[in-house]
């Protein structure tokens, strides 16, 4: 599945009535306290305490409850606004919705809705909230709240008592799990009309619903059928089921590859591979887990244990519980505020302008990374290692220092000096070709000795170079330096590394005889070199010797 950001507006909570909710929230042994979960600042979990008439606010950094906010009676569902500024909580016993100011942790408004409001979900644009309610006389529905006016602006009749609501990432559809009535309703949010009602004998009492990050599928937790339905939202049909004992709530990984199911009676969370629809791991948690929420910023999941008033924190990399946090009486719903990514390091800090360097980005809240950009240019090969580390391949870019940014479903990281990468200008090395000659005359073995010089004028070192020398017709080259070969009329010499401002010489001889009288002209040329040679004006050199006799020559 495409790793597109999943909205945070997951509805929180369910069961068909307070009696059923209490039945699931059976008493159990208290889970042992664990170490505080180490997370970067910014993430906050909100937990409704069904019997405590409150919301516990958990700091993800310290794993401690930093505030307890009184709300209406029997709070069940909770949903954090996409910008993290407000938290909507449904009060089943008060027939209302509490709006919590996330900055002050106080109730800023109370919105009357209808009987037994339970699930609640934000549209990704933050403009509307959807609340599942009982309309009276057995009718069920969804109230639509305008968040600007905090007023109900529409009511949509549905089949089945709503226990959970999830909104597609594009905001176009709201999917409602109807526990009593065993129906899943699909709502067009543009028109606030029902476009499909999905029922199947194999999918009884759906208690929870979650949507894949690409918006293609919905998964419902069918409590009494002991399975999870896979629903194709393009056709509004069930395409398969996954066996699972008493699933009550669902959440999904940011990339959509893993589904997490809270097993209400098994005191476990199941990890499901969405590609194979199989359970790959089972994680023990507290008693009677009721809600689960993946924290996409930090790669954790928060599980409300309604039977022993705790919250389990699961590390999604290791599938292990890393903390157990005491909260209020009968924790039920849970949601997590968005935490924007933070970049604190880029290694290596520089690379060639051509790109291709493997770069490691470190920081916090990186678990749901979908894109990395270097100076606005998308990187390739983006891989999430964990919540603090991402790797990517730097794209090509003009020389200079650029900001590296990371984008997750919560937004894009701010720029800072710690998140910069320097593109280095392509190295250059100018080779100045020089050719000299010296006659060695005599009756026995007369010859002309040539020196072909590669002089590196910089600015960078030469890694390799090839120079050639073209001899006159009929002439031969002998006594060649190492790295030189001769195929008439061309001498080819290969040079290795040459430091800036250094010279490397290659020598050869041209034997003389009676037929060599006259001018002997040799031309040296740089044919190839690395790195690039920025100046072609000095790539050639010519030397002419005048042979008057085998005992007289000038060069």
Protein backbone atom coordinates (compact mmCIF):
# COMPACT_ATOMS: atom_id res chain seq x y z
CA UNK A 1 0.00 0.00 0.00
CA UNK A 2 1.20 3.54 -0.80
CA UNK A 3 2.58 5.28 2.25
CA UNK A 4 0.23 8.29 2.13
CA UNK A 5 -0.40 10.05 5.48
CA UNK A 6 -3.35 8.62 7.41
CA UNK A 7 -5.58 11.23 9.09
CA UNK A 8 -5.60 11.45 12.86
CA UNK A 9 -9.34 11.69 13.08
CA UNK A 10 -10.00 8.15 14.30
CA UNK A 11 -13.23 7.72 16.14
CA UNK A 12 -12.88 6.46 19.65
CA UNK A 13 -15.22 4.16 21.12
CA UNK A 14 -17.95 1.91 21.13
CA UNK A 15 -19.84 -0.63 22.74
CA UNK A 16 -23.57 -0.81 22.16
CA UNK A 17 -24.60 0.67 25.49
CA UNK A 18 -23.02 1.58 28.76
CA UNK A 19 -24.03 -1.84 30.07
CA UNK A 20 -22.11 -3.60 27.31
CA UNK A 21 -19.19 -1.21 27.73
CA UNK A 22 -19.03 -2.02 31.40
CA UNK A 23 -19.26 -5.73 30.71
CA UNK A 24 -16.18 -5.49 28.49
CA UNK A 25 -14.39 -3.37 31.07
CA UNK A 26 -14.14 -6.27 33.49
CA UNK A 27 -11.89 -6.03 36.48
CA UNK A 28 -8.42 -7.57 36.38
CA UNK A 29 -5.01 -7.57 38.03
CA UNK A 30 -3.11 -4.34 37.71
CA UNK A 31 -0.29 -4.43 35.19
CA UNK A 32 3.14 -3.82 36.60
CA UNK A 33 4.52 -0.35 36.11
CA UNK A 34 7.17 -0.09 33.39
CA UNK A 35 9.84 2.46 32.52
CA UNK A 36 8.75 5.73 31.00
CA UNK A 37 8.62 5.56 27.22
CA UNK A 38 11.32 7.63 25.61
CA UNK A 39 9.80 9.83 22.94
CA UNK A 40 10.71 13.25 21.64
CA UNK A 41 8.73 16.29 22.82
CA UNK A 42 5.53 17.06 20.98
CA UNK A 43 3.38 13.94 21.09
CA UNK A 44 0.48 13.82 23.56
CA UNK A 45 -1.99 11.00 24.13
CA UNK A 46 -5.55 11.65 25.28
CA UNK A 47 -7.42 8.87 27.08
CA UNK A 48 -11.09 8.92 28.03
CA UNK A 49 -11.84 7.45 31.46
CA UNK A 50 -15.31 5.98 31.07
CA UNK A 51 -16.12 5.68 34.76
CA UNK A 52 -13.87 8.52 35.81
CA UNK A 53 -15.72 11.19 33.80
CA UNK A 54 -12.40 12.60 32.74
CA UNK A 55 -9.66 12.62 30.13
CA UNK A 56 -6.08 11.73 31.03
CA UNK A 57 -3.40 13.71 29.17
CA UNK A 58 -0.17 11.73 28.72
CA UNK A 59 3.17 13.34 27.87
CA UNK A 60 4.84 10.92 25.46
CA UNK A 61 8.27 12.21 26.43
CA UNK A 62 8.03 11.20 30.08
CA UNK A 63 5.26 8.61 29.90
CA UNK A 64 3.42 10.40 32.68
CA UNK A 65 -0.05 11.85 33.08
CA UNK A 66 0.40 15.63 33.06
CA UNK A 67 -3.25 16.61 33.39
CA UNK A 68 -6.68 15.16 34.11
CA UNK A 69 -9.48 17.10 32.44
CA UNK A 70 -13.03 16.75 33.85
CA UNK A 71 -15.61 16.27 31.10
CA UNK A 72 -19.19 14.99 30.91
CA UNK A 73 -20.40 11.66 32.25
CA UNK A 74 -19.21 8.41 30.72
CA UNK A 75 -16.79 9.82 28.11
CA UNK A 76 -16.12 7.27 25.38
CA UNK A 77 -14.88 8.60 22.06
CA UNK A 78 -12.00 11.01 21.58
CA UNK A 79 -10.49 12.62 18.49
CA UNK A 80 -7.68 15.17 18.18
CA UNK A 81 -8.00 17.96 15.63
CA UNK A 82 -5.59 17.73 12.69
CA UNK A 83 -3.74 20.82 13.94
CA UNK A 84 -3.62 19.42 17.49
CA UNK A 85 -5.25 22.48 19.02
CA UNK A 86 -8.52 20.90 20.14
CA UNK A 87 -9.73 17.53 21.37
CA UNK A 88 -13.35 16.40 20.93
CA UNK A 89 -14.74 13.98 23.53
CA UNK A 90 -18.16 12.31 23.42
CA UNK A 91 -20.01 12.08 26.74
CA UNK A 92 -22.36 9.10 26.51
CA UNK A 93 -24.16 9.88 29.76
CA UNK A 94 -24.50 13.62 29.14
CA UNK A 95 -25.52 13.44 25.48
CA UNK A 96 -22.88 16.00 24.61
CA UNK A 97 -19.45 16.60 23.17
CA UNK A 98 -16.74 18.34 25.21
CA UNK A 99 -14.26 20.47 23.30
CA UNK A 100 -10.90 20.54 25.11
CA UNK A 101 -8.41 23.32 24.47
CA UNK A 102 -5.17 21.36 24.08
CA UNK A 103 -3.08 24.35 25.16
CA UNK A 104 -4.77 24.86 28.53
CA UNK A 105 -6.21 21.34 29.02
CA UNK A 106 -9.58 22.85 29.89
CA UNK A 107 -13.04 22.39 28.36
CA UNK A 108 -13.61 25.32 26.03
CA UNK A 109 -17.12 24.36 24.92
CA UNK A 110 -19.84 21.74 25.35
CA UNK A 111 -21.93 20.86 22.31
CA UNK A 112 -25.31 19.12 22.72
CA UNK A 113 -25.74 16.33 20.20
CA UNK A 114 -28.17 13.48 20.98
CA UNK A 115 -28.52 10.29 23.00
CA UNK A 116 -25.48 8.10 23.64
CA UNK A 117 -22.91 9.89 21.52
CA UNK A 118 -20.01 7.49 21.13
CA UNK A 119 -17.63 7.56 18.14
CA UNK A 120 -16.16 10.86 16.98
CA UNK A 121 -13.87 11.67 14.06
CA UNK A 122 -12.43 14.79 12.45
CA UNK A 123 -12.40 15.36 8.73
CA UNK A 124 -8.75 15.83 7.64
CA UNK A 125 -9.46 19.47 6.80
CA UNK A 126 -10.49 20.07 10.41
CA UNK A 127 -13.69 21.86 9.36
CA UNK A 128 -16.12 19.17 10.43
CA UNK A 129 -16.47 16.51 13.09
CA UNK A 130 -18.64 13.40 12.80
CA UNK A 131 -20.34 11.99 15.90
CA UNK A 132 -22.29 8.73 16.04
CA UNK A 133 -25.49 8.98 18.08
CA UNK A 134 -28.85 7.36 18.82
CA UNK A 135 -31.66 9.47 17.39
CA UNK A 136 -34.46 7.97 19.44
CA UNK A 137 -37.11 5.40 18.62
CA UNK A 138 -34.41 2.96 17.56
CA UNK A 139 -33.06 5.27 14.86
CA UNK A 140 -29.33 5.74 14.60
CA UNK A 141 -27.34 8.49 12.98
CA UNK A 142 -24.30 10.67 12.60
CA UNK A 143 -24.29 14.30 13.65
CA UNK A 144 -22.07 16.65 11.63
CA UNK A 145 -20.51 19.48 13.67
CA UNK A 146 -19.09 22.65 12.13
CA UNK A 147 -15.91 23.23 14.13
CA UNK A 148 -15.93 26.98 13.42
CA UNK A 149 -19.37 27.52 14.97
CA UNK A 150 -19.35 24.41 17.20
CA UNK A 151 -22.88 23.67 16.07
CA UNK A 152 -24.57 20.62 14.56
CA UNK A 153 -25.20 21.39 10.89
CA UNK A 154 -26.45 18.04 9.55
CA UNK A 155 -27.80 14.68 10.67
CA UNK A 156 -27.35 11.51 8.62
CA UNK A 157 -29.51 8.48 9.32
CA UNK A 158 -27.66 5.15 9.22
CA UNK A 159 -28.21 1.45 9.85
CA UNK A 160 -26.82 0.02 13.07
CA UNK A 161 -25.77 1.72 16.30
CA UNK A 162 -22.55 3.61 15.53
CA UNK A 163 -19.52 2.41 17.49
CA UNK A 164 -16.65 3.78 15.44
CA UNK A 165 -16.06 6.23 12.60
CA UNK A 166 -13.06 6.65 10.32
CA UNK A 167 -12.57 9.23 7.57
CA UNK A 168 -10.61 8.59 4.37
CA UNK A 169 -7.36 10.55 3.95
CA UNK A 170 -8.91 12.71 1.23
CA UNK A 171 -11.86 13.50 3.50
CA UNK A 172 -14.37 12.27 0.93
CA UNK A 173 -15.84 9.35 2.85
CA UNK A 174 -16.77 8.60 6.43
CA UNK A 175 -17.07 4.91 7.29
CA UNK A 176 -19.23 4.00 10.29
CA UNK A 177 -19.10 0.69 12.14
CA UNK A 178 -22.61 -0.17 13.38
CA UNK A 179 -22.39 -2.63 16.29
CA UNK A 180 -26.09 -3.35 16.89
CA UNK A 181 -27.45 -4.02 13.44
CA UNK A 182 -24.14 -5.38 12.17
CA UNK A 183 -23.81 -2.86 9.36
CA UNK A 184 -21.03 -0.72 7.96
CA UNK A 185 -22.20 2.59 6.49
CA UNK A 186 -20.30 4.63 3.91
CA UNK A 187 -21.11 8.35 3.87
CA UNK A 188 -20.29 10.88 1.15
CA UNK A 189 -19.03 13.80 3.23
CA UNK A 190 -19.58 16.33 0.43
CA UNK A 191 -23.31 15.68 0.36
CA UNK A 192 -23.74 14.09 3.82
CA UNK A 193 -25.58 11.18 2.24
CA UNK A 194 -25.26 7.42 2.62
CA UNK A 195 -23.75 5.84 -0.47
CA UNK A 196 -23.51 2.24 0.75
CA UNK A 197 -24.62 0.00 3.60
CA UNK A 198 -22.50 -3.15 3.89
CA UNK A 199 -23.80 -6.21 5.70
CA UNK A 200 -22.67 -9.83 5.74
CA UNK A 201 -23.50 -12.80 8.00
CA UNK A 202 -19.78 -13.34 8.51
CA UNK A 203 -19.28 -9.80 9.82
CA UNK A 204 -21.34 -9.48 13.00
CA UNK A 205 -21.22 -6.53 15.41
CA UNK A 206 -18.45 -4.38 13.94
CA UNK A 207 -17.01 -2.49 16.91
CA UNK A 208 -14.09 -0.67 15.30
CA UNK A 209 -13.02 0.59 11.89
CA UNK A 210 -9.78 1.92 10.42
CA UNK A 211 -8.90 3.00 6.87
CA UNK A 212 -5.69 2.18 5.02
CA UNK A 213 -3.36 5.14 4.45
CA UNK A 214 -4.03 5.08 0.71
CA UNK A 215 -7.78 5.24 1.30
CA UNK A 216 -8.42 2.06 -0.68
CA UNK A 217 -9.56 -0.25 2.13
CA UNK A 218 -11.45 -0.16 5.39
CA UNK A 219 -10.94 -2.77 8.10
CA UNK A 220 -13.68 -3.51 10.64
CA UNK A 221 -13.35 -5.35 13.95
CA UNK A 222 -16.25 -7.81 14.01
CA UNK A 223 -16.52 -8.52 17.74
CA UNK A 224 -18.97 -11.43 17.76
CA UNK A 225 -17.77 -12.96 14.49
CA UNK A 226 -14.21 -13.19 15.79
CA UNK A 227 -12.76 -11.73 12.64
CA UNK A 228 -11.76 -8.58 10.82
CA UNK A 229 -13.36 -7.62 7.51
CA UNK A 230 -11.38 -6.20 4.60
CA UNK A 231 -13.61 -3.79 2.67
CA UNK A 232 -12.80 -2.45 -0.78
CA UNK A 233 -14.00 1.15 -0.62
CA UNK A 234 -14.11 1.49 -4.40
CA UNK A 235 -16.84 -1.15 -4.60
CA UNK A 236 -18.08 -1.10 -0.97
CA UNK A 237 -17.72 -4.86 -0.76
CA UNK A 238 -16.09 -7.20 1.72
CA UNK A 239 -13.19 -8.87 -0.08
CA UNK A 240 -11.95 -11.04 2.78
CA UNK A 241 -11.88 -11.69 6.50
CA UNK A 242 -9.02 -12.23 8.96
CA UNK A 243 -9.63 -14.57 11.94
CA UNK A 244 -9.11 -12.81 15.27
CA UNK A 245 -10.67 -13.41 18.68
CA UNK A 246 -12.95 -10.64 19.97
CA UNK A 247 -11.45 -7.67 18.16
CA UNK A 248 -12.69 -4.42 19.65
CA UNK A 249 -10.56 -1.72 18.12
CA UNK A 250 -8.12 -1.32 15.24
CA UNK A 251 -5.27 0.94 14.21
CA UNK A 252 -2.83 0.79 11.30
CA UNK A 253 0.83 1.57 10.62
CA UNK A 254 1.63 4.76 8.67
CA UNK A 255 2.70 2.74 5.61
CA UNK A 256 -0.37 0.50 5.78
CA UNK A 257 1.60 -2.75 5.99
CA UNK A 258 0.58 -3.68 9.53
CA UNK A 259 -2.81 -3.70 11.22
CA UNK A 260 -3.06 -3.67 15.02
CA UNK A 261 -6.08 -5.22 16.72
CA UNK A 262 -7.05 -5.00 20.39
CA UNK A 263 -8.33 -8.37 21.63
CA UNK A 264 -10.84 -7.47 24.34
CA UNK A 265 -10.98 -10.92 25.97
CA UNK A 266 -7.47 -12.19 25.23
CA UNK A 267 -5.65 -9.23 26.82
CA UNK A 268 -3.46 -8.98 23.73
CA UNK A 269 -2.81 -6.88 20.68
CA UNK A 270 -2.48 -8.73 17.40
CA UNK A 271 -0.12 -7.59 14.64
CA UNK A 272 -1.53 -8.40 11.20
CA UNK A 273 0.33 -8.36 7.90
CA UNK A 274 -2.09 -6.60 5.54
CA UNK A 275 -0.48 -8.13 2.45
CA UNK A 276 -1.08 -11.70 3.61
CA UNK A 277 -3.97 -11.07 6.05
CA UNK A 278 -2.22 -13.14 8.69
CA UNK A 279 -1.41 -12.50 12.35
CA UNK A 280 2.37 -12.27 12.64
CA UNK A 281 2.74 -11.40 16.32
CA UNK A 282 0.72 -11.27 19.55
CA UNK A 283 1.62 -8.73 22.23
CA UNK A 284 0.40 -9.18 25.83
CA UNK A 285 -1.05 -5.99 27.31
CA UNK A 286 -3.29 -5.15 30.26
CA UNK A 287 -6.74 -6.44 31.13
CA UNK A 288 -9.62 -5.95 28.67
CA UNK A 289 -7.95 -3.71 26.08
CA UNK A 290 -10.63 -1.45 24.65
CA UNK A 291 -8.88 1.06 22.41
CA UNK A 292 -5.68 1.26 20.42
CA UNK A 293 -4.05 4.12 18.61
CA UNK A 294 -0.83 4.07 16.59
CA UNK A 295 1.30 7.15 17.19
CA UNK A 296 2.62 7.69 13.66
CA UNK A 297 5.22 10.21 14.78
CA UNK A 298 7.17 7.98 17.12
CA UNK A 299 6.40 4.39 16.10
CA UNK A 300 4.44 3.51 19.19
CA UNK A 301 0.89 2.40 19.95
CA UNK A 302 -1.20 3.35 22.98
CA UNK A 303 -3.60 0.71 24.29
CA UNK A 304 -6.27 1.44 26.88
CA UNK A 305 -6.69 -1.43 29.36
CA UNK A 306 -10.21 -0.87 30.65
CA UNK A 307 -10.01 -3.71 33.16
CA UNK A 308 -7.11 -2.38 35.22
CA UNK A 309 -7.10 1.36 34.45
CA UNK A 310 -3.77 1.47 32.64
CA UNK A 311 -2.40 2.33 29.24
CA UNK A 312 0.18 0.09 27.57
CA UNK A 313 2.76 1.70 25.29
CA UNK A 314 4.01 -0.60 22.53
CA UNK A 315 7.20 -0.11 20.54
CA UNK A 316 6.15 -1.00 17.00
CA UNK A 317 9.72 -1.82 15.97
CA UNK A 318 10.14 -4.53 18.61
CA UNK A 319 6.46 -5.35 19.26
CA UNK A 320 7.14 -5.05 22.97
CA UNK A 321 5.42 -3.08 25.73
CA UNK A 322 7.87 -0.42 26.88
CA UNK A 323 5.70 1.32 29.48
CA UNK A 324 2.53 0.84 31.50
CA UNK A 325 0.91 4.09 32.61
CA UNK A 326 -1.76 4.40 35.28
CA UNK A 327 -4.71 6.58 34.25
CA UNK A 328 -8.30 7.16 35.40
CA UNK A 329 -11.13 4.71 36.06
CA UNK A 330 -11.91 2.46 33.06
CA UNK A 331 -9.81 3.96 30.26
CA UNK A 332 -11.59 3.49 26.99
CA UNK A 333 -10.91 5.75 24.01
CA UNK A 334 -7.48 7.02 22.98
CA UNK A 335 -6.07 9.37 20.37
CA UNK A 336 -2.68 11.02 19.88
CA UNK A 337 -1.90 14.60 18.90
CA UNK A 338 0.12 15.24 15.74
CA UNK A 339 3.83 15.85 16.28
CA UNK A 340 5.74 17.45 13.43
CA UNK A 341 9.07 15.92 12.44
CA UNK A 342 12.29 17.48 13.68
CA UNK A 343 15.65 17.11 11.90
CA UNK A 344 18.70 17.33 14.15
CA UNK A 345 21.42 15.81 11.99
CA UNK A 346 22.43 14.97 8.41
CA UNK A 347 25.32 12.54 7.81
CA UNK A 348 27.43 12.96 5.77
CA UNK A 349 26.97 16.70 5.65
CA UNK A 350 28.20 17.09 2.09
CA UNK A 351 28.42 15.31 -1.23
CA UNK A 352 28.83 15.82 -4.95
CA UNK A 353 26.45 18.02 -6.89
CA UNK A 354 25.70 15.03 -9.10
CA UNK A 355 23.84 13.44 -6.18
CA UNK A 356 23.80 9.75 -5.38
CA UNK A 357 25.17 10.01 -1.84
CA UNK A 358 23.47 7.82 0.77
CA UNK A 359 22.50 10.17 3.60
CA UNK A 360 21.27 9.41 7.12
CA UNK A 361 18.82 11.91 8.62
CA UNK A 362 18.39 11.85 12.40
CA UNK A 363 15.85 13.63 14.55
CA UNK A 364 12.50 12.91 16.15
CA UNK A 365 8.94 12.07 15.07
CA UNK A 366 10.22 10.52 11.82
CA UNK A 367 8.35 7.21 11.92
CA UNK A 368 5.72 8.13 9.30
CA UNK A 369 8.14 9.82 6.89
CA UNK A 370 6.80 9.86 3.36
CA UNK A 371 9.24 12.26 1.69
CA UNK A 372 12.67 13.84 2.13
CA UNK A 373 13.75 16.91 0.18
CA UNK A 374 17.15 18.49 -0.37
CA UNK A 375 16.66 22.17 -1.11
CA UNK A 376 13.16 21.39 -2.37
CA UNK A 377 14.29 18.54 -4.62
CA UNK A 378 12.84 15.13 -3.67
CA UNK A 379 15.29 12.46 -2.55
CA UNK A 380 15.01 8.86 -3.68
CA UNK A 381 15.29 5.62 -1.77
CA UNK A 382 13.63 7.03 1.36
CA UNK A 383 13.70 4.37 4.09
CA UNK A 384 12.35 4.72 7.62
CA UNK A 385 14.69 2.95 10.04
CA UNK A 386 12.81 3.99 13.17
CA UNK A 387 11.25 7.06 14.75
CA UNK A 388 14.62 8.83 14.95
CA UNK A 389 16.40 7.72 11.78
CA UNK A 390 15.64 7.90 8.06
CA UNK A 391 17.96 7.18 5.14
CA UNK A 392 17.70 8.62 1.64
CA UNK A 393 19.72 9.11 -1.53
CA UNK A 394 20.60 12.74 -2.22
CA UNK A 395 19.33 14.01 -5.59
CA UNK A 396 21.40 16.09 -7.97
CA UNK A 397 21.51 19.78 -7.13
CA UNK A 398 23.52 22.89 -7.87
CA UNK A 399 26.54 23.45 -5.66
CA UNK A 400 25.87 25.14 -2.35
CA UNK A 401 24.29 24.52 1.05
CA UNK A 402 20.61 23.50 1.18
CA UNK A 403 18.04 22.64 3.84
CA UNK A 404 17.02 19.01 4.27
CA UNK A 405 13.36 18.60 5.23
CA UNK A 406 11.31 15.56 6.19
CA UNK A 407 7.58 15.26 5.55
CA UNK A 408 5.28 13.03 7.60
CA UNK A 409 1.52 12.87 7.95
CA UNK A 410 1.84 15.61 10.59
CA UNK A 411 3.61 18.06 8.30
CA UNK A 412 7.10 19.10 7.21
CA UNK A 413 10.06 19.75 9.48
CA UNK A 414 11.25 23.29 10.08
CA UNK A 415 14.59 24.30 8.60
CA UNK A 416 17.63 24.71 10.82
CA UNK A 417 21.41 24.74 10.64
CA UNK A 418 21.43 21.18 11.99
CA UNK A 419 19.45 20.01 8.98
CA UNK A 420 21.67 21.29 6.19
CA UNK A 421 23.62 19.54 3.45
CA UNK A 422 26.31 21.04 1.25
CA UNK A 423 26.54 20.16 -2.42
CA UNK A 424 30.15 20.32 -3.50
CA UNK A 425 31.08 21.79 -6.87
CA UNK A 426 32.38 19.11 -9.25
CA UNK A 427 36.15 18.75 -8.83
CA UNK A 428 38.33 20.23 -11.56
CA UNK A 429 41.96 19.68 -12.48
CA UNK A 430 43.67 21.53 -15.33
CA UNK A 431 46.49 19.59 -17.01
CA UNK A 432 49.08 21.72 -18.77
CA UNK A 433 50.76 19.55 -21.43
CA UNK A 434 54.44 20.21 -22.00
CA UNK A 435 56.78 18.54 -24.49
CA UNK A 436 60.58 18.93 -24.54
CA UNK A 437 63.33 17.27 -26.59
CA UNK A 438 67.07 16.74 -26.29
CA UNK A 439 69.32 15.36 -29.05
CA UNK A 440 71.76 12.57 -28.19
CA UNK A 441 74.07 12.30 -31.19
CA UNK A 442 76.88 10.05 -32.17
CA UNK A 443 77.97 7.66 -34.88
CA UNK A 444 76.78 4.54 -33.09
CA UNK A 445 73.24 5.19 -31.61
CA UNK A 446 72.00 8.70 -32.35
CA UNK A 447 68.47 9.59 -31.05
CA UNK A 448 66.17 12.37 -29.90
CA UNK A 449 64.94 12.06 -26.28
CA UNK A 450 61.46 13.50 -25.69
CA UNK A 451 59.82 14.26 -22.34
CA UNK A 452 55.98 14.39 -22.27
CA UNK A 453 54.96 16.22 -19.09
CA UNK A 454 51.53 16.40 -17.43
CA UNK A 455 51.53 19.41 -15.09
CA UNK A 456 48.48 19.69 -12.80
CA UNK A 457 47.59 23.35 -12.30
CA UNK A 458 44.64 22.41 -10.04
CA UNK A 459 42.59 23.28 -8.25
CA UNK A 460 41.94 19.61 -7.40
CA UNK A 461 44.11 16.50 -7.67
CA UNK A 462 44.17 14.51 -10.88
CA UNK A 463 43.04 10.94 -10.43
CA UNK A 464 43.94 9.72 -13.91
CA UNK A 465 44.99 11.04 -17.30
CA UNK A 466 45.98 9.88 -20.75
CA UNK A 467 48.30 11.84 -23.04
CA UNK A 468 49.32 10.93 -26.59
CA UNK A 469 52.21 11.97 -28.81
CA UNK A 470 51.98 11.82 -32.59
CA UNK A 471 55.26 11.06 -34.37
CA UNK A 472 56.24 11.80 -37.99
CA UNK A 473 55.58 9.11 -40.58
CA UNK A 474 58.23 6.43 -40.49
CA UNK A 475 59.45 7.40 -37.03
CA UNK A 476 59.45 4.95 -34.13
CA UNK A 477 59.35 5.38 -30.34
CA UNK A 478 61.66 3.30 -28.15
CA UNK A 479 62.82 3.13 -24.55
CA UNK A 480 59.31 3.97 -23.33
CA UNK A 481 58.52 4.97 -19.74
CA UNK A 482 56.26 2.70 -17.73
CA UNK A 483 52.64 3.20 -18.73
CA UNK A 484 53.43 4.07 -22.34
CA UNK A 485 52.77 2.08 -25.48
CA UNK A 486 53.48 2.78 -29.15
CA UNK A 487 51.45 1.94 -32.21
CA UNK A 488 52.73 3.92 -35.19
CA UNK A 489 52.42 6.80 -35.44
CA UNK A 490 50.95 7.31 -31.92
CA UNK A 491 52.55 7.01 -28.51
CA UNK A 492 50.00 6.62 -25.69
CA UNK A 493 50.94 7.28 -22.05
CA UNK A 494 48.69 6.64 -19.04
CA UNK A 495 49.26 8.76 -15.91
CA UNK A 496 48.04 7.96 -12.41
CA UNK A 497 47.28 10.39 -9.59
CA UNK A 498 48.89 13.84 -9.83
CA UNK A 499 48.73 16.21 -6.89
CA UNK A 500 47.85 19.84 -7.36
CA UNK A 501 50.89 21.78 -8.70
CA UNK A 502 52.82 18.55 -9.36
CA UNK A 503 54.38 17.23 -12.59
CA UNK A 504 54.69 13.72 -13.94
CA UNK A 505 57.06 13.01 -16.84
CA UNK A 506 57.00 10.23 -19.42
CA UNK A 507 60.01 9.84 -21.74
CA UNK A 508 60.68 8.11 -25.06
CA UNK A 509 63.30 8.11 -27.80
CA UNK A 510 63.13 8.55 -31.54
CA UNK A 511 66.18 6.81 -33.12
CA UNK A 512 67.89 8.70 -35.96
CA UNK A 513 69.37 7.42 -39.20
CA UNK A 514 70.31 8.79 -42.60
CA UNK A 515 66.65 8.94 -43.55
CA UNK A 516 65.81 11.12 -40.52
CA UNK A 517 67.38 14.26 -41.88
CA UNK A 518 65.13 17.34 -41.76
CA UNK A 519 62.50 18.48 -39.28
CA UNK A 520 61.16 15.96 -36.74
CA UNK A 521 57.87 17.29 -35.30
CA UNK A 522 56.07 15.62 -32.39
CA UNK A 523 52.73 16.80 -30.95
CA UNK A 524 51.55 15.91 -27.44
CA UNK A 525 47.83 16.01 -26.57
CA UNK A 526 45.75 15.43 -23.40
CA UNK A 527 43.07 13.04 -24.56
CA UNK A 528 41.29 12.17 -21.30
CA UNK A 529 41.62 13.01 -17.62
CA UNK A 530 39.67 12.96 -14.39
CA UNK A 531 38.30 15.04 -12.86
CA UNK A 532 37.18 17.33 -15.65
CA UNK A 533 39.75 19.63 -17.20
CA UNK A 534 38.33 23.18 -17.26
CA UNK A 535 40.90 24.63 -19.68
CA UNK A 536 41.49 23.20 -23.13
CA UNK A 537 43.85 25.95 -24.19
CA UNK A 538 46.89 24.17 -22.73
CA UNK A 539 45.95 20.62 -23.73
CA UNK A 540 48.52 20.40 -26.54
CA UNK A 541 52.22 20.99 -27.04
CA UNK A 542 54.44 20.62 -30.11
CA UNK A 543 58.20 20.23 -30.35
CA UNK A 544 60.23 20.23 -33.57
CA UNK A 545 63.85 19.18 -33.84
CA UNK A 546 65.92 19.85 -36.97
CA UNK A 547 68.28 17.03 -37.86
CA UNK A 548 71.11 18.15 -40.12
CA UNK A 549 73.12 14.95 -39.79
CA UNK A 550 73.39 12.10 -37.35
CA UNK A 551 75.96 14.11 -35.47
CA UNK A 552 74.24 17.49 -35.75
CA UNK A 553 70.69 18.37 -34.65
CA UNK A 554 68.93 21.25 -32.90
CA UNK A 555 65.73 21.14 -30.78
